[in-house]
Amino acid sequence: MKTNQTIGALFIVGAIALCIPYTMLTIIFEHPDILRQDTATVLIRFHDGGAVA
């Protein structure tokens, strides 16, 4: 029974851990709005190190 609880806790922690990078991507890189931008604009801004406006 203890093993099942450990596995369940690890699944919950893993799901939360996957949300952290996606949230950072959303905040920093304006995802998913960035998908609608022109490719050249995105690559130029990415190369410059700035956020896409």
N, C-alpha and C. Protein backbone atom coordinates (compact mmCIF):
# COMPACT_ATOMS: atom_id res chain seq x y z
N MET A 1 0.82 -1.20 0.00
CA MET A 1 0.00 0.00 0.00
C MET A 1 0.87 1.26 0.00
N LYS A 2 1.97 1.22 0.70
CA LYS A 2 2.86 2.37 0.76
C LYS A 2 3.44 2.69 -0.62
N THR A 3 3.70 1.66 -1.41
CA THR A 3 4.24 1.86 -2.76
C THR A 3 3.25 2.60 -3.64
N ASN A 4 1.97 2.25 -3.54
CA ASN A 4 0.94 2.92 -4.34
C ASN A 4 0.84 4.40 -3.98
N GLN A 5 0.96 4.73 -2.72
CA GLN A 5 0.91 6.12 -2.30
C GLN A 5 2.12 6.90 -2.81
N THR A 6 3.27 6.26 -2.78
CA THR A 6 4.50 6.90 -3.29
C THR A 6 4.38 7.16 -4.78
N ILE A 7 3.91 6.18 -5.53
CA ILE A 7 3.75 6.33 -6.98
C ILE A 7 2.73 7.43 -7.28
N GLY A 8 1.64 7.45 -6.55
CA GLY A 8 0.63 8.50 -6.75
C GLY A 8 1.18 9.88 -6.48
N ALA A 9 1.94 10.00 -5.40
CA ALA A 9 2.55 11.30 -5.08
C ALA A 9 3.53 11.72 -6.17
N LEU A 10 4.30 10.77 -6.69
CA LEU A 10 5.25 11.10 -7.76
C LEU A 10 4.54 11.53 -9.04
N PHE A 11 3.41 10.92 -9.35
CA PHE A 11 2.63 11.34 -10.52
C PHE A 11 2.13 12.78 -10.35
N ILE A 12 1.67 13.11 -9.17
CA ILE A 12 1.18 14.47 -8.91
C ILE A 12 2.31 15.47 -8.99
N VAL A 13 3.44 15.16 -8.37
CA VAL A 13 4.60 16.06 -8.41
C VAL A 13 5.10 16.20 -9.85
N GLY A 14 5.10 15.12 -10.62
CA GLY A 14 5.54 15.18 -12.01
C GLY A 14 4.64 16.06 -12.86
N ALA A 15 3.32 15.96 -12.64
CA ALA A 15 2.39 16.79 -13.40
C ALA A 15 2.59 18.27 -13.08
N ILE A 16 2.80 18.57 -11.82
CA ILE A 16 3.05 19.97 -11.43
C ILE A 16 4.38 20.44 -11.99
N ALA A 17 5.38 19.57 -11.97
CA ALA A 17 6.70 19.94 -12.49
C ALA A 17 6.65 20.23 -13.99
N LEU A 18 5.77 19.58 -14.72
CA LEU A 18 5.64 19.86 -16.15
C LEU A 18 4.96 21.20 -16.42
N CYS A 19 4.15 21.66 -15.49
CA CYS A 19 3.46 22.94 -15.67
C CYS A 19 4.39 24.13 -15.49
N ILE A 20 5.44 23.98 -14.72
CA ILE A 20 6.34 25.11 -14.43
C ILE A 20 7.03 25.62 -15.70
N PRO A 21 7.69 24.77 -16.52
CA PRO A 21 8.32 25.31 -17.73
C PRO A 21 7.32 25.91 -18.71
N TYR A 22 6.14 25.30 -18.83
CA TYR A 22 5.14 25.85 -19.74
C TYR A 22 4.67 27.22 -19.28
N THR A 23 4.50 27.40 -17.98
CA THR A 23 4.11 28.70 -17.45
C THR A 23 5.20 29.73 -17.71
N MET A 24 6.45 29.35 -17.53
CA MET A 24 7.56 30.27 -17.81
C MET A 24 7.58 30.63 -19.30
N LEU A 25 7.35 29.65 -20.17
CA LEU A 25 7.29 29.91 -21.60
C LEU A 25 6.17 30.89 -21.94
N THR A 26 5.04 30.73 -21.30
CA THR A 26 3.91 31.62 -21.54
C THR A 26 4.22 33.04 -21.12
N ILE A 27 4.85 33.20 -19.98
CA ILE A 27 5.15 34.53 -19.46
C ILE A 27 6.27 35.21 -20.24
N ILE A 28 7.35 34.51 -20.48
CA ILE A 28 8.53 35.12 -21.09
C ILE A 28 8.39 35.28 -22.60
N PHE A 29 7.89 34.26 -23.27
CA PHE A 29 7.94 34.25 -24.73
C PHE A 29 6.56 34.47 -25.35
N GLU A 30 5.57 34.87 -24.55
CA GLU A 30 4.23 35.17 -25.03
C GLU A 30 3.61 34.02 -25.82
N HIS A 31 3.80 32.82 -25.34
CA HIS A 31 3.22 31.64 -25.98
C HIS A 31 1.75 31.57 -25.62
N PRO A 32 0.81 31.29 -26.42
CA PRO A 32 0.83 30.83 -27.81
C PRO A 32 0.73 31.96 -28.82
N ASP A 33 0.67 33.22 -28.39
CA ASP A 33 0.56 34.34 -29.34
C ASP A 33 1.76 34.40 -30.29
N ILE A 34 2.91 33.90 -29.83
CA ILE A 34 4.10 33.93 -30.67
C ILE A 34 3.92 33.07 -31.92
N LEU A 35 3.03 32.09 -31.86
CA LEU A 35 2.81 31.20 -33.00
C LEU A 35 2.14 31.92 -34.16
N ARG A 36 1.52 33.05 -33.91
CA ARG A 36 0.83 33.81 -34.95
C ARG A 36 1.72 34.88 -35.58
N GLN A 37 2.92 35.07 -35.07
CA GLN A 37 3.83 36.08 -35.59
C GLN A 37 4.54 35.56 -36.84
N ASP A 38 5.04 36.50 -37.65
CA ASP A 38 5.83 36.17 -38.81
C ASP A 38 7.13 35.52 -38.36
N THR A 39 7.57 34.50 -39.07
CA THR A 39 8.77 33.76 -38.69
C THR A 39 10.00 34.66 -38.63
N ALA A 40 10.15 35.52 -39.60
CA ALA A 40 11.32 36.41 -39.62
C ALA A 40 11.34 37.32 -38.40
N THR A 41 10.18 37.82 -38.01
CA THR A 41 10.10 38.69 -36.84
C THR A 41 10.49 37.94 -35.58
N VAL A 42 9.99 36.73 -35.44
CA VAL A 42 10.30 35.93 -34.26
C VAL A 42 11.78 35.61 -34.19
N LEU A 43 12.37 35.19 -35.31
CA LEU A 43 13.78 34.82 -35.30
C LEU A 43 14.69 36.01 -35.05
N ILE A 44 14.35 37.16 -35.61
CA ILE A 44 15.16 38.36 -35.37
C ILE A 44 15.12 38.75 -33.90
N ARG A 45 13.92 38.76 -33.32
CA ARG A 45 13.79 39.11 -31.91
C ARG A 45 14.46 38.09 -31.01
N PHE A 46 14.36 36.80 -31.38
CA PHE A 46 15.01 35.75 -30.62
C PHE A 46 16.53 35.93 -30.65
N HIS A 47 17.05 36.25 -31.82
CA HIS A 47 18.49 36.46 -31.95
C HIS A 47 18.94 37.67 -31.15
N ASP A 48 18.13 38.73 -31.12
CA ASP A 48 18.47 39.92 -30.36
C ASP A 48 18.31 39.70 -28.85
N GLY A 49 17.61 38.66 -28.47
CA GLY A 49 17.43 38.38 -27.05
C GLY A 49 16.28 39.13 -26.41
N GLY A 50 15.44 39.73 -27.22
CA GLY A 50 14.32 40.51 -26.69
C GLY A 50 13.01 39.76 -26.80
N ALA A 51 12.00 40.33 -26.21
CA ALA A 51 10.66 39.74 -26.29
C ALA A 51 10.00 40.19 -27.57
N VAL A 52 9.16 39.37 -28.12
CA VAL A 52 8.43 39.69 -29.33
C VAL A 52 7.23 40.55 -28.96
N ALA A 53 7.09 41.68 -29.65
CA ALA A 53 5.98 42.58 -29.34
C ALA A 53 4.83 42.39 -30.29
